[in-house]
Protein backbone atom coordinates (compact mmCIF):
# COMPACT_ATOMS: atom_id res chain seq x y z
CA UNK A 1 0.00 0.00 0.00
CA UNK A 2 1.30 3.44 -0.82
CA UNK A 3 0.60 6.59 1.19
CA UNK A 4 -2.33 7.65 -0.99
CA UNK A 5 -4.08 4.28 -0.59
CA UNK A 6 -3.50 4.37 3.17
CA UNK A 7 -4.97 7.86 3.43
CA UNK A 8 -8.03 6.88 1.38
CA UNK A 9 -8.59 3.78 3.53
CA UNK A 10 -8.22 5.73 6.76
CA UNK A 11 -10.64 8.41 5.56
CA UNK A 12 -13.28 5.69 5.16
CA UNK A 13 -12.48 3.69 8.29
CA UNK A 14 -11.40 6.12 10.99
CA UNK A 15 -13.33 8.54 13.18
CA UNK A 16 -12.04 12.14 13.01
CA UNK A 17 -12.11 12.53 16.80
CA UNK A 18 -9.93 9.47 17.22
CA UNK A 19 -7.53 10.89 14.63
CA UNK A 20 -7.29 14.15 16.57
CA UNK A 21 -6.45 12.27 19.76
CA UNK A 22 -3.87 10.13 17.96
CA UNK A 23 -2.29 13.20 16.37
CA UNK A 24 -2.04 14.97 19.73
CA UNK A 25 -0.49 11.88 21.32
CA UNK A 26 2.07 11.46 18.55
CA UNK A 27 3.08 15.13 18.71
CA UNK A 28 3.63 14.78 22.45
CA UNK A 29 5.64 11.61 21.86
CA UNK A 30 7.84 13.37 19.28
CA UNK A 31 8.43 16.23 21.76
CA UNK A 32 9.41 13.66 24.38
CA UNK A 33 11.89 12.01 21.99
CA UNK A 34 13.45 15.38 21.17
CA UNK A 35 13.87 16.11 24.90
CA UNK A 36 15.54 12.72 25.42
CA UNK A 37 17.88 13.47 22.50
CA UNK A 38 18.85 16.84 23.99
CA UNK A 39 19.41 15.23 27.40
CA UNK A 40 21.66 12.60 25.83
CA UNK A 41 23.76 15.34 24.15
CA UNK A 42 24.11 17.23 27.45
CA UNK A 43 25.24 14.10 29.28
CA UNK A 44 27.80 13.29 26.56
CA UNK A 45 29.18 16.87 26.77
CA UNK A 46 29.54 16.62 30.55
CA UNK A 47 31.29 13.25 30.31
CA UNK A 48 33.90 14.45 27.83
PDB file of N, CA and C in Angstrom:
ATOM      1  N   UNK A   1       0.833  -1.202   0.000  1.00  0.00           N
ATOM      2  CA  UNK A   1       0.000   0.000   0.000  1.00  0.00           C
ATOM      3  C   UNK A   1       0.868   1.253   0.000  1.00  0.00           C
ATOM      4  N   UNK A   2       0.559   2.179  -0.867  1.00  0.00           N
ATOM      5  CA  UNK A   2       1.296   3.437  -0.819  1.00  0.00           C
ATOM      6  C   UNK A   2       0.554   4.436   0.068  1.00  0.00           C
ATOM      7  N   UNK A   3       1.160   5.584   0.274  1.00  0.00           N
ATOM      8  CA  UNK A   3       0.598   6.593   1.186  1.00  0.00           C
ATOM      9  C   UNK A   3      -0.815   7.003   0.787  1.00  0.00           C
ATOM     10  N   UNK A   4      -1.024   7.197  -0.513  1.00  0.00           N
ATOM     11  CA  UNK A   4      -2.326   7.655  -0.993  1.00  0.00           C
ATOM     12  C   UNK A   4      -3.418   6.627  -0.678  1.00  0.00           C
ATOM     13  N   UNK A   5      -3.123   5.349  -0.891  1.00  0.00           N
ATOM     14  CA  UNK A   5      -4.081   4.285  -0.590  1.00  0.00           C
ATOM     15  C   UNK A   5      -4.372   4.229   0.907  1.00  0.00           C
ATOM     16  N   UNK A   6      -3.330   4.390   1.712  1.00  0.00           N
ATOM     17  CA  UNK A   6      -3.502   4.366   3.168  1.00  0.00           C
ATOM     18  C   UNK A   6      -4.409   5.506   3.600  1.00  0.00           C
ATOM     19  N   UNK A   7      -4.156   6.697   3.076  1.00  0.00           N
ATOM     20  CA  UNK A   7      -4.974   7.864   3.429  1.00  0.00           C
ATOM     21  C   UNK A   7      -6.434   7.636   3.029  1.00  0.00           C
ATOM     22  N   UNK A   8      -6.655   7.129   1.831  1.00  0.00           N
ATOM     23  CA  UNK A   8      -8.028   6.875   1.375  1.00  0.00           C
ATOM     24  C   UNK A   8      -8.733   5.852   2.265  1.00  0.00           C
ATOM     25  N   UNK A   9      -8.014   4.804   2.650  1.00  0.00           N
ATOM     26  CA  UNK A   9      -8.586   3.776   3.525  1.00  0.00           C
ATOM     27  C   UNK A   9      -8.914   4.366   4.893  1.00  0.00           C
ATOM     28  N   UNK A  10      -7.994   5.131   5.444  1.00  0.00           N
ATOM     29  CA  UNK A  10      -8.222   5.728   6.762  1.00  0.00           C
ATOM     30  C   UNK A  10      -9.393   6.701   6.745  1.00  0.00           C
ATOM     31  N   UNK A  11      -9.530   7.456   5.647  1.00  0.00           N
ATOM     32  CA  UNK A  11     -10.643   8.405   5.558  1.00  0.00           C
ATOM     33  C   UNK A  11     -11.988   7.678   5.659  1.00  0.00           C
ATOM     34  N   UNK A  12     -12.051   6.471   5.126  1.00  0.00           N
ATOM     35  CA  UNK A  12     -13.283   5.694   5.157  1.00  0.00           C
ATOM     36  C   UNK A  12     -13.495   5.002   6.505  1.00  0.00           C
ATOM     37  N   UNK A  13     -12.403   4.586   7.144  1.00  0.00           N
ATOM     38  CA  UNK A  13     -12.481   3.690   8.295  1.00  0.00           C
ATOM     39  C   UNK A  13     -12.343   4.359   9.656  1.00  0.00           C
ATOM     40  N   UNK A  14     -11.792   5.570   9.703  1.00  0.00           N
ATOM     41  CA  UNK A  14     -11.399   6.121  10.994  1.00  0.00           C
ATOM     42  C   UNK A  14     -12.252   7.333  11.376  1.00  0.00           C
ATOM     43  N   UNK A  15     -12.562   7.417  12.643  1.00  0.00           N
ATOM     44  CA  UNK A  15     -13.329   8.539  13.179  1.00  0.00           C
ATOM     45  C   UNK A  15     -12.409   9.749  13.356  1.00  0.00           C
ATOM     46  N   UNK A  16     -12.865  10.930  12.961  1.00  0.00           N
ATOM     47  CA  UNK A  16     -12.038  12.136  13.014  1.00  0.00           C
ATOM     48  C   UNK A  16     -11.617  12.471  14.449  1.00  0.00           C
ATOM     49  N   UNK A  17     -12.472  12.235  15.408  1.00  0.00           N
ATOM     50  CA  UNK A  17     -12.114  12.533  16.802  1.00  0.00           C
ATOM     51  C   UNK A  17     -10.967  11.644  17.272  1.00  0.00           C
ATOM     52  N   UNK A  18     -11.008  10.389  16.864  1.00  0.00           N
ATOM     53  CA  UNK A  18      -9.931   9.470  17.216  1.00  0.00           C
ATOM     54  C   UNK A  18      -8.632   9.921  16.566  1.00  0.00           C
ATOM     55  N   UNK A  19      -8.713  10.396  15.329  1.00  0.00           N
ATOM     56  CA  UNK A  19      -7.526  10.891  14.632  1.00  0.00           C
ATOM     57  C   UNK A  19      -6.927  12.094  15.349  1.00  0.00           C
ATOM     58  N   UNK A  20      -7.779  12.980  15.846  1.00  0.00           N
ATOM     59  CA  UNK A  20      -7.294  14.154  16.575  1.00  0.00           C
ATOM     60  C   UNK A  20      -6.545  13.731  17.833  1.00  0.00           C
ATOM     61  N   UNK A  21      -7.096  12.765  18.545  1.00  0.00           N
ATOM     62  CA  UNK A  21      -6.449  12.267  19.761  1.00  0.00           C
ATOM     63  C   UNK A  21      -5.105  11.618  19.417  1.00  0.00           C
ATOM     64  N   UNK A  22      -5.102  10.796  18.388  1.00  0.00           N
ATOM     65  CA  UNK A  22      -3.873  10.129  17.963  1.00  0.00           C
ATOM     66  C   UNK A  22      -2.812  11.150  17.552  1.00  0.00           C
ATOM     67  N   UNK A  23      -3.214  12.153  16.812  1.00  0.00           N
ATOM     68  CA  UNK A  23      -2.294  13.199  16.369  1.00  0.00           C
ATOM     69  C   UNK A  23      -1.689  13.930  17.559  1.00  0.00           C
ATOM     70  N   UNK A  24      -2.520  14.273  18.539  1.00  0.00           N
ATOM     71  CA  UNK A  24      -2.037  14.973  19.731  1.00  0.00           C
ATOM     72  C   UNK A  24      -1.039  14.091  20.498  1.00  0.00           C
ATOM     73  N   UNK A  25      -1.381  12.813  20.644  1.00  0.00           N
ATOM     74  CA  UNK A  25      -0.491  11.876  21.324  1.00  0.00           C
ATOM     75  C   UNK A  25       0.853  11.780  20.613  1.00  0.00           C
ATOM     76  N   UNK A  26       0.822  11.624  19.301  1.00  0.00           N
ATOM     77  CA  UNK A  26       2.065  11.456  18.547  1.00  0.00           C
ATOM     78  C   UNK A  26       2.923  12.718  18.601  1.00  0.00           C
ATOM     79  N   UNK A  27       2.307  13.886  18.585  1.00  0.00           N
ATOM     80  CA  UNK A  27       3.080  15.133  18.706  1.00  0.00           C
ATOM     81  C   UNK A  27       3.754  15.202  20.076  1.00  0.00           C
ATOM     82  N   UNK A  28       3.035  14.796  21.112  1.00  0.00           N
ATOM     83  CA  UNK A  28       3.627  14.779  22.452  1.00  0.00           C
ATOM     84  C   UNK A  28       4.786  13.783  22.514  1.00  0.00           C
ATOM     85  N   UNK A  29       4.608  12.641  21.883  1.00  0.00           N
ATOM     86  CA  UNK A  29       5.642  11.611  21.861  1.00  0.00           C
ATOM     87  C   UNK A  29       6.896  12.122  21.146  1.00  0.00           C
ATOM     88  N   UNK A  30       6.708  12.812  20.025  1.00  0.00           N
ATOM     89  CA  UNK A  30       7.845  13.372  19.285  1.00  0.00           C
ATOM     90  C   UNK A  30       8.569  14.396  20.152  1.00  0.00           C
ATOM     91  N   UNK A  31       7.812  15.255  20.848  1.00  0.00           N
ATOM     92  CA  UNK A  31       8.425  16.229  21.758  1.00  0.00           C
ATOM     93  C   UNK A  31       9.264  15.510  22.813  1.00  0.00           C
ATOM     94  N   UNK A  32       8.710  14.447  23.362  1.00  0.00           N
ATOM     95  CA  UNK A  32       9.411  13.665  24.376  1.00  0.00           C
ATOM     96  C   UNK A  32      10.718  13.101  23.823  1.00  0.00           C
ATOM     97  N   UNK A  33      10.682  12.559  22.610  1.00  0.00           N
ATOM     98  CA  UNK A  33      11.893  12.007  21.992  1.00  0.00           C
ATOM     99  C   UNK A  33      12.944  13.089  21.758  1.00  0.00           C
ATOM    100  N   UNK A  34      12.503  14.280  21.375  1.00  0.00           N
ATOM    101  CA  UNK A  34      13.447  15.379  21.174  1.00  0.00           C
ATOM    102  C   UNK A  34      14.106  15.772  22.494  1.00  0.00           C
ATOM    103  N   UNK A  35      13.333  15.791  23.577  1.00  0.00           N
ATOM    104  CA  UNK A  35      13.874  16.113  24.901  1.00  0.00           C
ATOM    105  C   UNK A  35      14.912  15.070  25.308  1.00  0.00           C
ATOM    106  N   UNK A  36      14.603  13.799  25.095  1.00  0.00           N
ATOM    107  CA  UNK A  36      15.539  12.719  25.417  1.00  0.00           C
ATOM    108  C   UNK A  36      16.831  12.891  24.614  1.00  0.00           C
ATOM    109  N   UNK A  37      16.704  13.250  23.341  1.00  0.00           N
ATOM    110  CA  UNK A  37      17.879  13.468  22.501  1.00  0.00           C
ATOM    111  C   UNK A  37      18.743  14.609  23.022  1.00  0.00           C
ATOM    112  N   UNK A  38      18.105  15.707  23.442  1.00  0.00           N
ATOM    113  CA  UNK A  38      18.852  16.837  23.994  1.00  0.00           C
ATOM    114  C   UNK A  38      19.540  16.442  25.294  1.00  0.00           C
ATOM    115  N   UNK A  39      18.844  15.689  26.125  1.00  0.00           N
ATOM    116  CA  UNK A  39      19.408  15.229  27.396  1.00  0.00           C
ATOM    117  C   UNK A  39      20.638  14.358  27.147  1.00  0.00           C
ATOM    118  N   UNK A  40      20.537  13.475  26.170  1.00  0.00           N
ATOM    119  CA  UNK A  40      21.660  12.604  25.828  1.00  0.00           C
ATOM    120  C   UNK A  40      22.879  13.430  25.405  1.00  0.00           C
ATOM    121  N   UNK A  41      22.653  14.479  24.588  1.00  0.00           N
ATOM    122  CA  UNK A  41      23.761  15.340  24.149  1.00  0.00           C
ATOM    123  C   UNK A  41      24.403  16.042  25.338  1.00  0.00           C
ATOM    124  N   UNK A  42      23.587  16.542  26.264  1.00  0.00           N
ATOM    125  CA  UNK A  42      24.110  17.230  27.445  1.00  0.00           C
ATOM    126  C   UNK A  42      24.974  16.292  28.293  1.00  0.00           C
ATOM    127  N   UNK A  43      24.497  15.075  28.477  1.00  0.00           N
ATOM    128  CA  UNK A  43      25.240  14.096  29.278  1.00  0.00           C
ATOM    129  C   UNK A  43      26.565  13.772  28.607  1.00  0.00           C
ATOM    130  N   UNK A  44      26.552  13.593  27.281  1.00  0.00           N
ATOM    131  CA  UNK A  44      27.797  13.293  26.556  1.00  0.00           C
ATOM    132  C   UNK A  44      28.791  14.444  26.687  1.00  0.00           C
ATOM    133  N   UNK A  45      28.299  15.698  26.625  1.00  0.00           N
ATOM    134  CA  UNK A  45      29.177  16.871  26.771  1.00  0.00           C
ATOM    135  C   UNK A  45      29.825  16.877  28.148  1.00  0.00           C
ATOM    136  N   UNK A  46      29.026  16.609  29.177  1.00  0.00           N
ATOM    137  CA  UNK A  46      29.543  16.619  30.549  1.00  0.00           C
ATOM    138  C   UNK A  46      30.561  15.506  30.782  1.00  0.00           C
ATOM    139  N   UNK A  47      30.392  14.381  30.113  1.00  0.00           N
ATOM    140  CA  UNK A  47      31.289  13.247  30.308  1.00  0.00           C
ATOM    141  C   UNK A  47      32.617  13.415  29.572  1.00  0.00           C
ATOM    142  N   UNK A  48      32.646  14.298  28.578  1.00  0.00           N
ATOM    143  CA  UNK A  48      33.898  14.454  27.825  1.00  0.00           C
ATOM    144  C   UNK A  48      34.740  15.617  28.324  1.00  0.00           C
TER     145      UNK A  48
END
